[in-house]
């Protein structure tokens, strides 16, 4: 479920966040399969649950990232392994490949954050990577250079709006174009 809501607050919560170990639901019991019992991850997130999750995300941020009011956007909510996952991104854009992200795991019974994942340590590991050189070739020129190497493959992609998988085409090539000098390069050589 797409949300795209900026999370703001007036006062932080001055207590430490306690992470809980998560027991991931594995598999389906034979009786459940034969009775065609719906999997809990397949149920839609109601408006009431959406509101409760939004409050859980706000409380989590007020506790763990207390100074970051107005810096996080709640992008999506979805069910996974018996929990509700809230995906957040920072509102700041630094034009790098990776953006700061959080995944907050919410208990669907108490609507409390129980654990989270933060990609900040990954971003710190790659921050020394140099910014790319200046682009000297237009994207249409680059496309024309690799046009003959492009393959279209059929793939099914889940469409949130239609709530089903739709047949699409994956465009792929074993080559790319170096945007700084216009040379065609094999992606296997990178």
N, C-alpha and C. Protein backbone atom coordinates (compact mmCIF):
# COMPACT_ATOMS: atom_id res chain seq x y z
N UNK A 1 0.85 -1.16 0.00
CA UNK A 1 0.00 0.00 0.00
C UNK A 1 0.90 1.22 0.00
N UNK A 2 0.74 2.09 -1.02
CA UNK A 2 1.52 3.32 -1.08
C UNK A 2 0.93 4.34 -0.11
N UNK A 3 1.81 5.02 0.63
CA UNK A 3 1.38 6.01 1.61
C UNK A 3 1.92 7.39 1.26
N UNK A 4 3.24 7.52 1.12
CA UNK A 4 3.90 8.79 0.81
C UNK A 4 3.50 9.91 1.77
N UNK A 5 3.74 9.68 3.05
CA UNK A 5 3.36 10.64 4.09
C UNK A 5 4.62 11.11 4.84
N UNK A 6 4.82 12.43 4.89
CA UNK A 6 5.91 13.01 5.67
C UNK A 6 5.57 12.83 7.16
N UNK A 7 6.55 12.35 7.94
CA UNK A 7 6.32 12.12 9.37
C UNK A 7 6.96 13.27 10.16
N UNK A 8 6.13 13.97 10.92
CA UNK A 8 6.60 15.08 11.75
C UNK A 8 6.05 14.92 13.17
N UNK A 9 6.74 15.56 14.13
CA UNK A 9 6.29 15.55 15.52
C UNK A 9 6.83 16.77 16.22
N UNK A 10 6.21 17.07 17.35
CA UNK A 10 6.62 18.23 18.13
C UNK A 10 7.62 17.87 19.23
N UNK A 11 7.39 16.74 19.90
CA UNK A 11 8.25 16.36 21.03
C UNK A 11 8.81 14.95 20.84
N UNK A 12 10.07 14.75 21.18
CA UNK A 12 10.65 13.41 21.09
C UNK A 12 10.18 12.54 22.26
N UNK A 13 10.44 11.25 22.15
CA UNK A 13 10.18 10.32 23.24
C UNK A 13 11.54 9.97 23.83
N UNK A 14 11.70 10.24 25.11
CA UNK A 14 13.00 10.07 25.77
C UNK A 14 13.07 8.73 26.48
N UNK A 15 13.07 7.65 25.70
CA UNK A 15 13.31 6.32 26.26
C UNK A 15 13.92 5.46 25.16
N UNK A 16 14.77 4.52 25.52
CA UNK A 16 15.43 3.71 24.50
C UNK A 16 14.45 2.75 23.82
N UNK A 17 14.70 2.50 22.54
CA UNK A 17 13.89 1.53 21.79
C UNK A 17 14.44 0.14 22.06
N UNK A 18 13.56 -0.78 22.39
CA UNK A 18 13.97 -2.15 22.67
C UNK A 18 13.59 -3.04 21.49
N UNK A 19 14.61 -3.56 20.82
CA UNK A 19 14.37 -4.47 19.70
C UNK A 19 13.92 -5.83 20.23
N UNK A 20 12.99 -6.45 19.51
CA UNK A 20 12.51 -7.79 19.87
C UNK A 20 12.91 -8.77 18.79
N UNK A 21 13.26 -9.97 19.20
CA UNK A 21 13.57 -11.01 18.23
C UNK A 21 12.29 -11.35 17.48
N UNK A 22 12.42 -11.56 16.19
CA UNK A 22 11.26 -11.82 15.36
C UNK A 22 11.26 -13.28 14.94
N UNK A 23 10.14 -13.95 15.15
CA UNK A 23 9.97 -15.32 14.69
C UNK A 23 9.20 -15.26 13.38
N UNK A 24 9.88 -15.61 12.31
CA UNK A 24 9.28 -15.55 10.99
C UNK A 24 8.44 -16.79 10.76
N UNK A 25 7.22 -16.59 10.29
CA UNK A 25 6.32 -17.69 9.98
C UNK A 25 6.86 -18.41 8.76
N UNK A 26 7.11 -19.70 8.91
CA UNK A 26 7.65 -20.48 7.80
C UNK A 26 6.61 -21.48 7.32
N UNK A 27 6.36 -21.50 6.05
CA UNK A 27 5.52 -22.52 5.45
C UNK A 27 4.05 -22.43 5.80
N UNK A 28 3.33 -23.40 5.29
CA UNK A 28 1.89 -23.49 5.50
C UNK A 28 1.59 -24.91 5.94
N UNK A 29 0.72 -25.02 6.93
CA UNK A 29 0.32 -26.35 7.40
C UNK A 29 -0.54 -27.03 6.33
N UNK A 30 -0.48 -28.34 6.28
CA UNK A 30 -1.23 -29.11 5.29
C UNK A 30 -2.72 -28.82 5.37
N UNK A 31 -3.25 -28.74 6.61
CA UNK A 31 -4.68 -28.48 6.80
C UNK A 31 -5.06 -27.10 6.23
N UNK A 32 -4.17 -26.12 6.42
CA UNK A 32 -4.44 -24.78 5.90
C UNK A 32 -4.50 -24.79 4.38
N UNK A 33 -3.59 -25.53 3.76
CA UNK A 33 -3.54 -25.57 2.30
C UNK A 33 -4.79 -26.23 1.74
N UNK A 34 -5.18 -27.38 2.32
CA UNK A 34 -6.35 -28.09 1.80
C UNK A 34 -7.66 -27.38 2.09
N UNK A 35 -7.71 -26.61 3.16
CA UNK A 35 -8.94 -25.87 3.47
C UNK A 35 -8.99 -24.52 2.75
N UNK A 36 -7.92 -24.25 2.00
CA UNK A 36 -7.80 -22.99 1.26
C UNK A 36 -7.93 -21.77 2.17
N UNK A 37 -7.38 -21.92 3.35
CA UNK A 37 -7.37 -20.82 4.32
C UNK A 37 -6.46 -19.71 3.78
N UNK A 38 -6.96 -18.50 3.84
CA UNK A 38 -6.19 -17.36 3.33
C UNK A 38 -4.96 -17.13 4.21
N UNK A 39 -3.84 -16.81 3.58
CA UNK A 39 -2.62 -16.49 4.32
C UNK A 39 -2.76 -15.09 4.90
N UNK A 40 -2.34 -14.88 6.15
CA UNK A 40 -2.48 -13.56 6.77
C UNK A 40 -1.78 -12.44 6.01
N UNK A 41 -0.70 -12.75 5.28
CA UNK A 41 0.00 -11.72 4.52
C UNK A 41 -0.80 -11.25 3.31
N UNK A 42 -1.84 -12.00 2.95
CA UNK A 42 -2.65 -11.64 1.79
C UNK A 42 -3.77 -10.67 2.09
N UNK A 43 -4.05 -10.42 3.37
CA UNK A 43 -5.14 -9.52 3.72
C UNK A 43 -4.73 -8.07 3.47
N UNK A 44 -5.65 -7.26 2.97
CA UNK A 44 -5.32 -5.85 2.77
C UNK A 44 -5.15 -5.13 4.11
N UNK A 45 -4.42 -4.03 4.09
CA UNK A 45 -4.25 -3.21 5.29
C UNK A 45 -5.39 -2.20 5.30
N UNK A 46 -6.22 -2.26 6.33
CA UNK A 46 -7.39 -1.39 6.40
C UNK A 46 -6.97 0.05 6.72
N UNK A 47 -7.91 0.98 6.56
CA UNK A 47 -7.64 2.39 6.89
C UNK A 47 -7.30 2.54 8.37
N UNK A 48 -8.01 1.79 9.22
CA UNK A 48 -7.75 1.83 10.66
C UNK A 48 -6.33 1.34 10.95
N UNK A 49 -5.94 0.22 10.34
CA UNK A 49 -4.59 -0.32 10.52
C UNK A 49 -3.54 0.65 9.98
N UNK A 50 -3.86 1.27 8.85
CA UNK A 50 -2.94 2.25 8.27
C UNK A 50 -2.68 3.39 9.25
N UNK A 51 -3.73 3.89 9.89
CA UNK A 51 -3.58 4.96 10.89
C UNK A 51 -2.76 4.52 12.08
N UNK A 52 -3.02 3.30 12.57
CA UNK A 52 -2.27 2.78 13.71
C UNK A 52 -0.80 2.55 13.36
N UNK A 53 -0.54 2.09 12.15
CA UNK A 53 0.84 1.89 11.70
C UNK A 53 1.56 3.23 11.58
N UNK A 54 0.87 4.22 11.08
CA UNK A 54 1.46 5.56 10.95
C UNK A 54 1.85 6.11 12.32
N UNK A 55 1.00 5.89 13.31
CA UNK A 55 1.32 6.32 14.68
C UNK A 55 2.49 5.52 15.25
N UNK A 56 2.54 4.22 14.95
CA UNK A 56 3.66 3.39 15.41
C UNK A 56 4.98 3.86 14.80
N UNK A 57 4.94 4.23 13.52
CA UNK A 57 6.14 4.74 12.85
C UNK A 57 6.56 6.06 13.49
N UNK A 58 5.59 6.93 13.73
CA UNK A 58 5.90 8.23 14.35
C UNK A 58 6.52 8.03 15.73
N UNK A 59 5.93 7.16 16.55
CA UNK A 59 6.48 6.90 17.89
C UNK A 59 7.89 6.32 17.81
N UNK A 60 8.11 5.41 16.87
CA UNK A 60 9.44 4.84 16.69
C UNK A 60 10.45 5.94 16.35
N UNK A 61 10.11 6.79 15.38
CA UNK A 61 11.02 7.87 14.97
C UNK A 61 11.25 8.85 16.11
N UNK A 62 10.22 9.16 16.87
CA UNK A 62 10.35 10.08 18.01
C UNK A 62 11.32 9.52 19.04
N UNK A 63 11.39 8.20 19.12
CA UNK A 63 12.25 7.53 20.10
C UNK A 63 13.67 7.34 19.56
N UNK A 64 13.82 6.81 18.36
CA UNK A 64 15.13 6.42 17.83
C UNK A 64 15.81 7.55 17.05
N UNK A 65 15.04 8.32 16.31
CA UNK A 65 15.58 9.42 15.50
C UNK A 65 14.90 10.72 15.93
N UNK A 66 15.00 11.03 17.21
CA UNK A 66 14.22 12.11 17.82
C UNK A 66 14.44 13.48 17.21
N UNK A 67 15.58 13.72 16.59
CA UNK A 67 15.87 15.03 16.00
C UNK A 67 15.49 15.12 14.52
N UNK A 68 14.94 14.05 13.96
CA UNK A 68 14.70 13.97 12.52
C UNK A 68 13.27 14.29 12.09
N UNK A 69 12.56 15.11 12.84
CA UNK A 69 11.20 15.44 12.43
C UNK A 69 11.19 16.10 11.06
N UNK A 70 10.30 15.64 10.20
CA UNK A 70 10.21 16.19 8.85
C UNK A 70 11.26 15.68 7.88
N UNK A 71 12.09 14.72 8.29
CA UNK A 71 13.14 14.20 7.41
C UNK A 71 12.78 12.84 6.80
N UNK A 72 11.76 12.18 7.35
CA UNK A 72 11.42 10.83 6.89
C UNK A 72 10.04 10.83 6.23
N UNK A 73 9.94 10.06 5.14
CA UNK A 73 8.67 9.88 4.44
C UNK A 73 8.28 8.40 4.52
N UNK A 74 7.07 8.15 5.05
CA UNK A 74 6.54 6.79 5.07
C UNK A 74 6.07 6.48 3.65
N UNK A 75 6.81 5.61 2.96
CA UNK A 75 6.53 5.33 1.55
C UNK A 75 5.45 4.26 1.37
N UNK A 76 5.63 3.10 2.04
CA UNK A 76 4.69 2.00 1.85
C UNK A 76 4.48 1.22 3.13
N UNK A 77 3.36 0.50 3.16
CA UNK A 77 3.06 -0.49 4.19
C UNK A 77 2.71 -1.79 3.47
N UNK A 78 3.24 -2.90 3.97
CA UNK A 78 2.84 -4.19 3.42
C UNK A 78 3.02 -5.28 4.47
N UNK A 79 2.26 -6.34 4.32
CA UNK A 79 2.36 -7.48 5.24
C UNK A 79 3.45 -8.43 4.74
N UNK A 80 4.22 -8.95 5.71
CA UNK A 80 5.26 -9.90 5.35
C UNK A 80 5.59 -10.75 6.57
N UNK A 81 5.51 -12.06 6.43
CA UNK A 81 5.85 -13.01 7.50
C UNK A 81 5.11 -12.73 8.80
N UNK A 82 3.84 -12.35 8.70
CA UNK A 82 3.02 -12.15 9.89
C UNK A 82 3.16 -10.78 10.53
N UNK A 83 3.97 -9.90 9.96
CA UNK A 83 4.17 -8.55 10.49
C UNK A 83 3.77 -7.54 9.42
N UNK A 84 3.68 -6.28 9.83
CA UNK A 84 3.48 -5.21 8.87
C UNK A 84 4.80 -4.47 8.74
N UNK A 85 5.27 -4.32 7.51
CA UNK A 85 6.53 -3.65 7.25
C UNK A 85 6.24 -2.24 6.74
N UNK A 86 6.87 -1.27 7.38
CA UNK A 86 6.76 0.13 6.96
C UNK A 86 8.09 0.52 6.34
N UNK A 87 8.06 0.94 5.08
CA UNK A 87 9.27 1.36 4.37
C UNK A 87 9.33 2.88 4.37
N UNK A 88 10.47 3.42 4.81
CA UNK A 88 10.66 4.86 4.87
C UNK A 88 11.91 5.26 4.11
N UNK A 89 11.90 6.46 3.55
CA UNK A 89 13.08 7.05 2.92
C UNK A 89 13.23 8.46 3.45
N UNK A 90 14.45 8.95 3.41
CA UNK A 90 14.65 10.34 3.81
C UNK A 90 14.13 11.25 2.72
N UNK A 91 13.75 12.44 3.13
CA UNK A 91 13.26 13.43 2.18
C UNK A 91 14.41 14.12 1.46
N UNK A 92 15.64 13.92 1.96
CA UNK A 92 16.82 14.55 1.38
C UNK A 92 17.30 13.72 0.20
N UNK A 93 17.75 14.38 -0.86
CA UNK A 93 18.27 13.68 -2.03
C UNK A 93 19.69 14.18 -2.27
N UNK A 94 20.66 13.27 -2.26
CA UNK A 94 22.04 13.68 -2.50
C UNK A 94 22.56 13.19 -3.85
N UNK A 95 21.67 12.69 -4.71
CA UNK A 95 21.98 12.28 -6.07
C UNK A 95 23.02 11.15 -6.13
N UNK A 96 23.00 10.29 -5.17
CA UNK A 96 23.83 9.09 -5.21
C UNK A 96 22.92 7.93 -5.60
N UNK A 97 23.54 6.79 -5.86
CA UNK A 97 22.77 5.63 -6.28
C UNK A 97 21.84 5.18 -5.17
N UNK A 98 22.33 5.16 -3.93
CA UNK A 98 21.54 4.67 -2.82
C UNK A 98 21.02 5.84 -1.98
N UNK A 99 19.83 5.66 -1.49
CA UNK A 99 19.22 6.67 -0.62
C UNK A 99 19.05 6.05 0.76
N UNK A 100 19.07 6.86 1.79
CA UNK A 100 18.88 6.38 3.15
C UNK A 100 17.49 5.80 3.29
N UNK A 101 17.40 4.59 3.87
CA UNK A 101 16.13 3.89 4.01
C UNK A 101 16.02 3.25 5.39
N UNK A 102 14.79 3.10 5.83
CA UNK A 102 14.47 2.36 7.04
C UNK A 102 13.36 1.37 6.72
N UNK A 103 13.41 0.21 7.35
CA UNK A 103 12.31 -0.74 7.33
C UNK A 103 11.93 -0.96 8.78
N UNK A 104 10.74 -0.53 9.13
CA UNK A 104 10.26 -0.68 10.51
C UNK A 104 9.27 -1.84 10.53
N UNK A 105 9.50 -2.80 11.42
CA UNK A 105 8.67 -3.99 11.51
C UNK A 105 7.69 -3.79 12.66
N UNK A 106 6.40 -3.88 12.34
CA UNK A 106 5.32 -3.57 13.28
C UNK A 106 4.53 -4.83 13.59
N UNK A 107 4.27 -5.05 14.88
CA UNK A 107 3.43 -6.16 15.32
C UNK A 107 1.98 -5.82 14.95
N UNK A 108 1.29 -6.67 14.18
CA UNK A 108 -0.06 -6.36 13.73
C UNK A 108 -1.12 -6.47 14.82
N UNK A 109 -0.75 -6.98 15.98
CA UNK A 109 -1.71 -7.07 17.09
C UNK A 109 -1.63 -5.86 18.02
N UNK A 110 -0.40 -5.47 18.38
CA UNK A 110 -0.22 -4.34 19.30
C UNK A 110 0.01 -3.02 18.57
N UNK A 111 0.32 -3.10 17.28
CA UNK A 111 0.68 -1.92 16.48
C UNK A 111 1.81 -1.13 17.14
N UNK A 112 2.84 -1.88 17.55
CA UNK A 112 4.05 -1.31 18.10
C UNK A 112 5.22 -1.77 17.22
N UNK A 113 6.18 -0.88 17.01
CA UNK A 113 7.39 -1.26 16.29
C UNK A 113 8.16 -2.25 17.15
N UNK A 114 8.57 -3.37 16.55
CA UNK A 114 9.29 -4.39 17.30
C UNK A 114 10.75 -4.52 16.87
N UNK A 115 11.05 -4.07 15.66
CA UNK A 115 12.42 -4.15 15.17
C UNK A 115 12.53 -3.25 13.94
N UNK A 116 13.76 -3.04 13.49
CA UNK A 116 13.94 -2.22 12.30
C UNK A 116 15.27 -2.53 11.63
N UNK A 117 15.37 -2.14 10.36
CA UNK A 117 16.61 -2.24 9.60
C UNK A 117 16.90 -0.86 9.02
N UNK A 118 18.17 -0.49 9.06
CA UNK A 118 18.62 0.82 8.61
C UNK A 118 19.80 0.61 7.68
N UNK A 119 19.80 1.23 6.51
CA UNK A 119 20.91 1.03 5.57
C UNK A 119 22.04 2.04 5.77
N UNK A 120 22.05 2.77 6.87
CA UNK A 120 23.06 3.79 7.11
C UNK A 120 24.48 3.22 7.11
N UNK A 121 24.67 2.04 7.70
CA UNK A 121 26.02 1.46 7.74
C UNK A 121 26.51 1.12 6.33
N UNK A 122 25.61 0.66 5.46
CA UNK A 122 25.98 0.40 4.07
C UNK A 122 26.39 1.70 3.39
N UNK A 123 25.63 2.75 3.61
CA UNK A 123 25.94 4.04 3.00
C UNK A 123 27.29 4.57 3.48
N UNK A 124 27.61 4.34 4.75
CA UNK A 124 28.91 4.77 5.28
C UNK A 124 30.05 4.01 4.61
N UNK A 125 29.82 2.73 4.31
CA UNK A 125 30.87 1.93 3.67
C UNK A 125 31.16 2.40 2.26
N UNK A 126 30.17 2.93 1.56
CA UNK A 126 30.37 3.32 0.16
C UNK A 126 30.49 4.83 -0.03
N UNK A 127 30.52 5.59 1.05
CA UNK A 127 30.56 7.05 0.90
C UNK A 127 31.86 7.54 0.27
N UNK A 128 32.93 6.75 0.33
CA UNK A 128 34.20 7.15 -0.27
C UNK A 128 34.21 6.99 -1.79
N UNK A 129 33.19 6.33 -2.35
CA UNK A 129 33.12 6.13 -3.78
C UNK A 129 32.99 7.49 -4.46
N UNK A 130 33.80 7.69 -5.47
CA UNK A 130 33.82 8.98 -6.16
C UNK A 130 32.53 9.21 -6.94
N UNK A 131 32.17 10.47 -7.04
CA UNK A 131 31.04 10.85 -7.88
C UNK A 131 31.41 10.60 -9.33
N UNK A 132 30.43 10.31 -10.19
CA UNK A 132 30.75 10.04 -11.59
C UNK A 132 31.30 11.27 -12.31
N UNK A 133 32.02 10.99 -13.40
CA UNK A 133 32.55 12.08 -14.22
C UNK A 133 31.40 12.80 -14.91
N UNK A 134 31.70 13.94 -15.50
CA UNK A 134 30.69 14.73 -16.19
C UNK A 134 30.16 13.96 -17.40
N UNK A 135 28.85 14.01 -17.58
CA UNK A 135 28.20 13.33 -18.70
C UNK A 135 28.44 14.14 -19.97
N UNK A 136 28.93 13.44 -21.03
CA UNK A 136 29.23 14.13 -22.29
C UNK A 136 28.37 13.63 -23.45
N UNK A 137 27.56 12.61 -23.21
CA UNK A 137 26.76 12.03 -24.29
C UNK A 137 25.29 12.08 -23.89
N UNK A 138 24.44 12.39 -24.83
CA UNK A 138 23.00 12.46 -24.58
C UNK A 138 22.45 11.04 -24.53
N UNK A 139 21.39 10.82 -23.75
CA UNK A 139 20.87 9.46 -23.58
C UNK A 139 20.37 8.86 -24.89
N UNK A 140 19.86 9.67 -25.80
CA UNK A 140 19.40 9.15 -27.09
C UNK A 140 20.58 8.62 -27.91
N UNK A 141 21.72 9.31 -27.86
CA UNK A 141 22.92 8.83 -28.56
C UNK A 141 23.39 7.51 -27.96
N UNK A 142 23.37 7.43 -26.64
CA UNK A 142 23.78 6.20 -25.96
C UNK A 142 22.85 5.05 -26.35
N UNK A 143 21.55 5.33 -26.40
CA UNK A 143 20.60 4.30 -26.80
C UNK A 143 20.89 3.80 -28.22
N UNK A 144 21.16 4.70 -29.13
CA UNK A 144 21.44 4.32 -30.51
C UNK A 144 22.67 3.43 -30.60
N UNK A 145 23.67 3.67 -29.74
CA UNK A 145 24.89 2.85 -29.76
C UNK A 145 24.63 1.41 -29.36
N UNK A 146 23.73 1.18 -28.39
CA UNK A 146 23.50 -0.19 -27.91
C UNK A 146 22.20 -0.80 -28.42
N UNK A 147 21.48 -0.09 -29.27
CA UNK A 147 20.18 -0.56 -29.76
C UNK A 147 20.23 -2.01 -30.25
N UNK A 148 21.23 -2.36 -31.02
CA UNK A 148 21.33 -3.71 -31.59
C UNK A 148 21.63 -4.80 -30.58
N UNK A 149 22.04 -4.44 -29.38
CA UNK A 149 22.39 -5.43 -28.36
C UNK A 149 21.28 -5.64 -27.34
N UNK A 150 20.20 -4.90 -27.47
CA UNK A 150 19.11 -4.95 -26.49
C UNK A 150 18.22 -6.16 -26.74
N UNK A 151 17.88 -6.87 -25.66
CA UNK A 151 16.97 -8.01 -25.71
C UNK A 151 15.73 -7.69 -24.89
N UNK A 152 14.58 -8.14 -25.35
CA UNK A 152 13.34 -8.01 -24.59
C UNK A 152 12.93 -9.40 -24.15
N UNK A 153 12.74 -9.57 -22.82
CA UNK A 153 12.37 -10.87 -22.27
C UNK A 153 11.04 -10.73 -21.54
N UNK A 154 10.12 -11.70 -21.70
CA UNK A 154 8.84 -11.62 -20.98
C UNK A 154 9.03 -11.91 -19.49
N UNK A 155 8.42 -11.08 -18.64
CA UNK A 155 8.44 -11.28 -17.19
C UNK A 155 7.09 -10.84 -16.63
N UNK A 156 6.71 -11.44 -15.51
CA UNK A 156 5.50 -11.02 -14.81
C UNK A 156 5.90 -10.09 -13.67
N UNK A 157 5.19 -8.96 -13.55
CA UNK A 157 5.47 -7.96 -12.53
C UNK A 157 4.18 -7.68 -11.77
N UNK A 158 4.28 -7.61 -10.44
CA UNK A 158 3.09 -7.34 -9.63
C UNK A 158 2.74 -5.86 -9.70
N UNK A 159 1.52 -5.54 -10.06
CA UNK A 159 1.03 -4.17 -10.16
C UNK A 159 0.15 -3.88 -8.96
N UNK A 160 0.59 -2.94 -8.09
CA UNK A 160 -0.16 -2.61 -6.88
C UNK A 160 -1.56 -2.07 -7.19
N UNK A 161 -1.67 -1.23 -8.21
CA UNK A 161 -2.97 -0.63 -8.54
C UNK A 161 -3.97 -1.67 -9.01
N UNK A 162 -3.52 -2.62 -9.83
CA UNK A 162 -4.42 -3.65 -10.34
C UNK A 162 -4.52 -4.84 -9.40
N UNK A 163 -3.63 -4.93 -8.40
CA UNK A 163 -3.59 -6.02 -7.44
C UNK A 163 -3.46 -7.38 -8.12
N UNK A 164 -2.60 -7.43 -9.15
CA UNK A 164 -2.36 -8.70 -9.83
C UNK A 164 -1.05 -8.60 -10.61
N UNK A 165 -0.57 -9.76 -11.05
CA UNK A 165 0.63 -9.81 -11.88
C UNK A 165 0.24 -9.53 -13.33
N UNK A 166 1.07 -8.73 -14.00
CA UNK A 166 0.81 -8.44 -15.40
C UNK A 166 2.06 -8.80 -16.21
N UNK A 167 1.84 -9.21 -17.44
CA UNK A 167 2.94 -9.59 -18.32
C UNK A 167 3.59 -8.32 -18.85
N UNK A 168 4.91 -8.22 -18.66
CA UNK A 168 5.68 -7.07 -19.13
C UNK A 168 6.88 -7.58 -19.91
N UNK A 169 7.70 -6.65 -20.35
CA UNK A 169 8.95 -7.02 -21.02
C UNK A 169 10.11 -6.41 -20.26
N UNK A 170 11.11 -7.22 -20.03
CA UNK A 170 12.34 -6.75 -19.39
C UNK A 170 13.33 -6.42 -20.49
N UNK A 171 13.78 -5.18 -20.50
CA UNK A 171 14.77 -4.75 -21.48
C UNK A 171 16.15 -4.95 -20.85
N UNK A 172 17.03 -5.65 -21.57
CA UNK A 172 18.34 -5.97 -21.03
C UNK A 172 19.38 -5.93 -22.14
N UNK A 173 20.60 -5.70 -21.74
CA UNK A 173 21.72 -5.72 -22.68
C UNK A 173 22.97 -6.12 -21.91
N UNK A 174 23.89 -6.74 -22.60
CA UNK A 174 25.17 -7.09 -21.99
C UNK A 174 26.17 -5.94 -22.13
N UNK A 175 25.70 -4.83 -22.70
CA UNK A 175 26.56 -3.68 -22.93
C UNK A 175 25.94 -2.42 -22.33
N UNK A 176 26.81 -1.47 -22.09
CA UNK A 176 26.40 -0.16 -21.62
C UNK A 176 27.25 0.89 -22.31
N UNK A 177 26.92 2.14 -22.07
CA UNK A 177 27.68 3.24 -22.67
C UNK A 177 28.24 4.09 -21.54
N UNK A 178 29.55 4.30 -21.57
CA UNK A 178 30.21 5.16 -20.61
C UNK A 178 29.76 6.60 -20.90
N UNK A 179 29.02 7.19 -19.97
CA UNK A 179 28.42 8.51 -20.20
C UNK A 179 29.46 9.62 -20.25
N UNK A 180 30.66 9.38 -19.74
CA UNK A 180 31.67 10.44 -19.74
C UNK A 180 32.45 10.52 -21.05
N UNK A 181 32.55 9.38 -21.79
CA UNK A 181 33.29 9.44 -23.06
C UNK A 181 32.54 8.85 -24.25
N UNK A 182 31.38 8.23 -24.02
CA UNK A 182 30.57 7.70 -25.12
C UNK A 182 30.97 6.34 -25.61
N UNK A 183 31.97 5.69 -24.97
CA UNK A 183 32.42 4.38 -25.41
C UNK A 183 31.45 3.29 -24.97
N UNK A 184 31.21 2.30 -25.86
CA UNK A 184 30.39 1.16 -25.50
C UNK A 184 31.28 0.17 -24.74
N UNK A 185 30.80 -0.35 -23.60
CA UNK A 185 31.59 -1.25 -22.78
C UNK A 185 30.76 -2.51 -22.46
N UNK A 186 31.45 -3.62 -22.34
CA UNK A 186 30.79 -4.87 -21.92
C UNK A 186 30.58 -4.79 -20.41
N UNK A 187 29.36 -5.08 -19.98
CA UNK A 187 29.08 -5.04 -18.55
C UNK A 187 29.80 -6.17 -17.81
N UNK A 188 30.17 -7.23 -18.52
CA UNK A 188 30.94 -8.31 -17.90
C UNK A 188 32.34 -7.87 -17.52
N UNK A 189 32.85 -6.83 -18.17
CA UNK A 189 34.21 -6.34 -17.90
C UNK A 189 34.27 -5.35 -16.75
N UNK A 190 33.13 -4.96 -16.24
CA UNK A 190 33.13 -3.97 -15.15
C UNK A 190 33.40 -4.60 -13.81
